[in-house]
Amino acid sequence: MAAHAGEKAEKTGDFYCASCDEKVHVTQGDRIPKCPNGHSEFETRRNERG
């Protein structure tokens, strides 16, 4: 399931960019930022809690 920059994270975890695989760590309830390279779609999530 893809996630996009600007959406609220449902769980705390690491989001990996679909374009360049950069990691962005997001806390539950926070908005997902763009990756450091400016991309806005994330295809995988890891290290989710709960």
PDB file of N, CA and C in Angstrom:
ATOM      1  N   MET A   1       0.844  -1.178   0.000  1.00  0.00           N
ATOM      2  CA  MET A   1       0.000   0.000   0.000  1.00  0.00           C
ATOM      3  C   MET A   1       0.892   1.245   0.000  1.00  0.00           C
ATOM      4  N   ALA A   2       0.728   2.078  -0.970  1.00  0.00           N
ATOM      5  CA  ALA A   2       1.538   3.291  -1.088  1.00  0.00           C
ATOM      6  C   ALA A   2       1.037   4.371  -0.129  1.00  0.00           C
ATOM      7  N   ALA A   3       1.968   5.148   0.357  1.00  0.00           N
ATOM      8  CA  ALA A   3       1.649   6.315   1.185  1.00  0.00           C
ATOM      9  C   ALA A   3       2.237   7.528   0.468  1.00  0.00           C
ATOM     10  N   HIS A   4       1.677   8.690   0.764  1.00  0.00           N
ATOM     11  CA  HIS A   4       2.115   9.905   0.085  1.00  0.00           C
ATOM     12  C   HIS A   4       2.437  11.009   1.086  1.00  0.00           C
ATOM     13  N   ALA A   5       3.390  11.849   0.712  1.00  0.00           N
ATOM     14  CA  ALA A   5       3.737  13.004   1.540  1.00  0.00           C
ATOM     15  C   ALA A   5       2.479  13.823   1.788  1.00  0.00           C
ATOM     16  N   GLY A   6       2.336  14.298   3.015  1.00  0.00           N
ATOM     17  CA  GLY A   6       1.176  15.098   3.390  1.00  0.00           C
ATOM     18  C   GLY A   6       0.097  14.303   4.106  1.00  0.00           C
ATOM     19  N   GLU A   7       0.109  12.976   3.954  1.00  0.00           N
ATOM     20  CA  GLU A   7      -0.860  12.139   4.664  1.00  0.00           C
ATOM     21  C   GLU A   7      -0.410  11.965   6.106  1.00  0.00           C
ATOM     22  N   LYS A   8      -1.367  11.692   6.997  1.00  0.00           N
ATOM     23  CA  LYS A   8      -1.022  11.408   8.390  1.00  0.00           C
ATOM     24  C   LYS A   8      -0.594   9.959   8.520  1.00  0.00           C
ATOM     25  N   ALA A   9       0.471   9.735   9.269  1.00  0.00           N
ATOM     26  CA  ALA A   9       0.950   8.375   9.511  1.00  0.00           C
ATOM     27  C   ALA A   9       0.020   7.682  10.501  1.00  0.00           C
ATOM     28  N   GLU A  10      -0.415   6.495  10.158  1.00  0.00           N
ATOM     29  CA  GLU A  10      -1.292   5.735  11.043  1.00  0.00           C
ATOM     30  C   GLU A  10      -0.508   5.070  12.161  1.00  0.00           C
ATOM     31  N   LYS A  11       0.773   4.783  11.922  1.00  0.00           N
ATOM     32  CA  LYS A  11       1.641   4.165  12.920  1.00  0.00           C
ATOM     33  C   LYS A  11       3.023   4.788  12.828  1.00  0.00           C
ATOM     34  N   THR A  12       3.764   4.732  13.917  1.00  0.00           N
ATOM     35  CA  THR A  12       5.154   5.165  13.915  1.00  0.00           C
ATOM     36  C   THR A  12       5.973   4.139  13.142  1.00  0.00           C
ATOM     37  N   GLY A  13       6.854   4.609  12.260  1.00  0.00           N
ATOM     38  CA  GLY A  13       7.690   3.683  11.507  1.00  0.00           C
ATOM     39  C   GLY A  13       8.544   4.401  10.479  1.00  0.00           C
ATOM     40  N   ASP A  14       9.230   3.606   9.671  1.00  0.00           N
ATOM     41  CA  ASP A  14      10.106   4.125   8.625  1.00  0.00           C
ATOM     42  C   ASP A  14       9.432   3.935   7.268  1.00  0.00           C
ATOM     43  N   PHE A  15       9.354   5.002   6.512  1.00  0.00           N
ATOM     44  CA  PHE A  15       8.778   4.968   5.177  1.00  0.00           C
ATOM     45  C   PHE A  15       9.927   5.033   4.180  1.00  0.00           C
ATOM     46  N   TYR A  16       9.878   4.207   3.129  1.00  0.00           N
ATOM     47  CA  TYR A  16      10.937   4.168   2.122  1.00  0.00           C
ATOM     48  C   TYR A  16      10.403   4.668   0.787  1.00  0.00           C
ATOM     49  N   CYS A  17      11.103   5.648   0.224  1.00  0.00           N
ATOM     50  CA  CYS A  17      10.701   6.311  -1.006  1.00  0.00           C
ATOM     51  C   CYS A  17      10.576   5.318  -2.162  1.00  0.00           C
ATOM     52  N   ALA A  18       9.507   5.469  -2.942  1.00  0.00           N
ATOM     53  CA  ALA A  18       9.290   4.601  -4.093  1.00  0.00           C
ATOM     54  C   ALA A  18      10.267   4.900  -5.229  1.00  0.00           C
ATOM     55  N   SER A  19      10.813   6.110  -5.262  1.00  0.00           N
ATOM     56  CA  SER A  19      11.718   6.495  -6.357  1.00  0.00           C
ATOM     57  C   SER A  19      13.188   6.231  -6.062  1.00  0.00           C
ATOM     58  N   CYS A  20      13.622   6.509  -4.812  1.00  0.00           N
ATOM     59  CA  CYS A  20      15.062   6.425  -4.532  1.00  0.00           C
ATOM     60  C   CYS A  20      15.403   5.597  -3.290  1.00  0.00           C
ATOM     61  N   ASP A  21      14.400   5.063  -2.605  1.00  0.00           N
ATOM     62  CA  ASP A  21      14.567   4.205  -1.432  1.00  0.00           C
ATOM     63  C   ASP A  21      15.136   4.925  -0.208  1.00  0.00           C
ATOM     64  N   GLU A  22      15.099   6.270  -0.185  1.00  0.00           N
ATOM     65  CA  GLU A  22      15.505   7.021   1.010  1.00  0.00           C
ATOM     66  C   GLU A  22      14.521   6.729   2.131  1.00  0.00           C
ATOM     67  N   LYS A  23      15.025   6.698   3.362  1.00  0.00           N
ATOM     68  CA  LYS A  23      14.192   6.418   4.529  1.00  0.00           C
ATOM     69  C   LYS A  23      13.762   7.725   5.186  1.00  0.00           C
ATOM     70  N   VAL A  24      12.479   7.768   5.578  1.00  0.00           N
ATOM     71  CA  VAL A  24      11.933   8.886   6.346  1.00  0.00           C
ATOM     72  C   VAL A  24      11.250   8.281   7.561  1.00  0.00           C
ATOM     73  N   HIS A  25      11.662   8.687   8.764  1.00  0.00           N
ATOM     74  CA  HIS A  25      11.039   8.185   9.985  1.00  0.00           C
ATOM     75  C   HIS A  25       9.874   9.111  10.348  1.00  0.00           C
ATOM     76  N   VAL A  26       8.716   8.517  10.632  1.00  0.00           N
ATOM     77  CA  VAL A  26       7.516   9.293  10.945  1.00  0.00           C
ATOM     78  C   VAL A  26       6.872   8.747  12.216  1.00  0.00           C
ATOM     79  N   THR A  27       6.406   9.655  13.066  1.00  0.00           N
ATOM     80  CA  THR A  27       5.706   9.294  14.292  1.00  0.00           C
ATOM     81  C   THR A  27       4.203   9.287  14.042  1.00  0.00           C
ATOM     82  N   GLN A  28       3.511   8.345  14.664  1.00  0.00           N
ATOM     83  CA  GLN A  28       2.066   8.222  14.501  1.00  0.00           C
ATOM     84  C   GLN A  28       1.381   9.573  14.673  1.00  0.00           C
ATOM     85  N   GLY A  29       0.504   9.908  13.740  1.00  0.00           N
ATOM     86  CA  GLY A  29      -0.272  11.144  13.801  1.00  0.00           C
ATOM     87  C   GLY A  29       0.388  12.325  13.104  1.00  0.00           C
ATOM     88  N   ASP A  30       1.699  12.231  12.845  1.00  0.00           N
ATOM     89  CA  ASP A  30       2.398  13.303  12.132  1.00  0.00           C
ATOM     90  C   ASP A  30       2.154  13.171  10.630  1.00  0.00           C
ATOM     91  N   ARG A  31       2.311  14.264   9.928  1.00  0.00           N
ATOM     92  CA  ARG A  31       2.218  14.243   8.465  1.00  0.00           C
ATOM     93  C   ARG A  31       3.515  13.688   7.889  1.00  0.00           C
ATOM     94  N   ILE A  32       3.389  12.898   6.841  1.00  0.00           N
ATOM     95  CA  ILE A  32       4.546  12.311   6.187  1.00  0.00           C
ATOM     96  C   ILE A  32       5.214  13.399   5.335  1.00  0.00           C
ATOM     97  N   PRO A  33       6.501  13.656   5.559  1.00  0.00           N
ATOM     98  CA  PRO A  33       7.192  14.669   4.747  1.00  0.00           C
ATOM     99  C   PRO A  33       7.662  14.068   3.419  1.00  0.00           C
ATOM    100  N   LYS A  34       8.089  14.918   2.505  1.00  0.00           N
ATOM    101  CA  LYS A  34       8.735  14.422   1.289  1.00  0.00           C
ATOM    102  C   LYS A  34      10.071  13.815   1.690  1.00  0.00           C
ATOM    103  N   CYS A  35      10.587  12.921   0.861  1.00  0.00           N
ATOM    104  CA  CYS A  35      11.897  12.344   1.145  1.00  0.00           C
ATOM    105  C   CYS A  35      12.960  13.425   0.963  1.00  0.00           C
ATOM    106  N   PRO A  36      14.179  13.197   1.458  1.00  0.00           N
ATOM    107  CA  PRO A  36      15.234  14.201   1.340  1.00  0.00           C
ATOM    108  C   PRO A  36      15.538  14.623  -0.105  1.00  0.00           C
ATOM    109  N   ASN A  37      15.135  13.787  -1.070  1.00  0.00           N
ATOM    110  CA  ASN A  37      15.381  14.100  -2.480  1.00  0.00           C
ATOM    111  C   ASN A  37      14.165  14.729  -3.162  1.00  0.00           C
ATOM    112  N   GLY A  38      13.126  15.045  -2.378  1.00  0.00           N
ATOM    113  CA  GLY A  38      11.967  15.754  -2.901  1.00  0.00           C
ATOM    114  C   GLY A  38      10.844  14.909  -3.465  1.00  0.00           C
ATOM    115  N   HIS A  39      10.942  13.587  -3.357  1.00  0.00           N
ATOM    116  CA  HIS A  39       9.878  12.715  -3.857  1.00  0.00           C
ATOM    117  C   HIS A  39       8.756  12.612  -2.825  1.00  0.00           C
ATOM    118  N   SER A  40       7.563  12.259  -3.285  1.00  0.00           N
ATOM    119  CA  SER A  40       6.431  12.266  -2.356  1.00  0.00           C
ATOM    120  C   SER A  40       5.664  10.951  -2.258  1.00  0.00           C
ATOM    121  N   GLU A  41       6.136   9.881  -2.887  1.00  0.00           N
ATOM    122  CA  GLU A  41       5.447   8.598  -2.786  1.00  0.00           C
ATOM    123  C   GLU A  41       6.347   7.576  -2.108  1.00  0.00           C
ATOM    124  N   PHE A  42       5.767   6.867  -1.145  1.00  0.00           N
ATOM    125  CA  PHE A  42       6.496   5.855  -0.379  1.00  0.00           C
ATOM    126  C   PHE A  42       5.834   4.513  -0.613  1.00  0.00           C
ATOM    127  N   GLU A  43       6.655   3.500  -0.944  1.00  0.00           N
ATOM    128  CA  GLU A  43       6.046   2.218  -1.281  1.00  0.00           C
ATOM    129  C   GLU A  43       6.160   1.182  -0.185  1.00  0.00           C
ATOM    130  N   THR A  44       7.124   1.313   0.720  1.00  0.00           N
ATOM    131  CA  THR A  44       7.229   0.329   1.807  1.00  0.00           C
ATOM    132  C   THR A  44       7.355   1.020   3.148  1.00  0.00           C
ATOM    133  N   ARG A  45       6.889   0.324   4.168  1.00  0.00           N
ATOM    134  CA  ARG A  45       7.013   0.789   5.553  1.00  0.00           C
ATOM    135  C   ARG A  45       7.630  -0.327   6.362  1.00  0.00           C
ATOM    136  N   ARG A  46       8.515   0.041   7.275  1.00  0.00           N
ATOM    137  CA  ARG A  46       9.170  -0.949   8.149  1.00  0.00           C
ATOM    138  C   ARG A  46       9.252  -0.400   9.558  1.00  0.00           C
ATOM    139  N   ASN A  47       9.503  -1.302  10.472  1.00  0.00           N
ATOM    140  CA  ASN A  47       9.707  -0.955  11.886  1.00  0.00           C
ATOM    141  C   ASN A  47       8.495  -0.259  12.507  1.00  0.00           C
ATOM    142  N   GLU A  48       7.303  -0.668  12.071  1.00  0.00           N
ATOM    143  CA  GLU A  48       6.092  -0.104  12.669  1.00  0.00           C
ATOM    144  C   GLU A  48       5.896  -0.687  14.051  1.00  0.00           C
ATOM    145  N   ARG A  49       5.442   0.145  14.936  1.00  0.00           N
ATOM    146  CA  ARG A  49       5.158  -0.298  16.306  1.00  0.00           C
ATOM    147  C   ARG A  49       3.678  -0.578  16.457  1.00  0.00           C
ATOM    148  N   GLY A  50       3.372  -1.589  17.272  1.00  0.00           N
ATOM    149  CA  GLY A  50       1.976  -1.885  17.579  1.00  0.00           C
ATOM    150  C   GLY A  50       1.264  -2.453  16.428  1.00  0.00           C
TER     151      GLY A  50
END
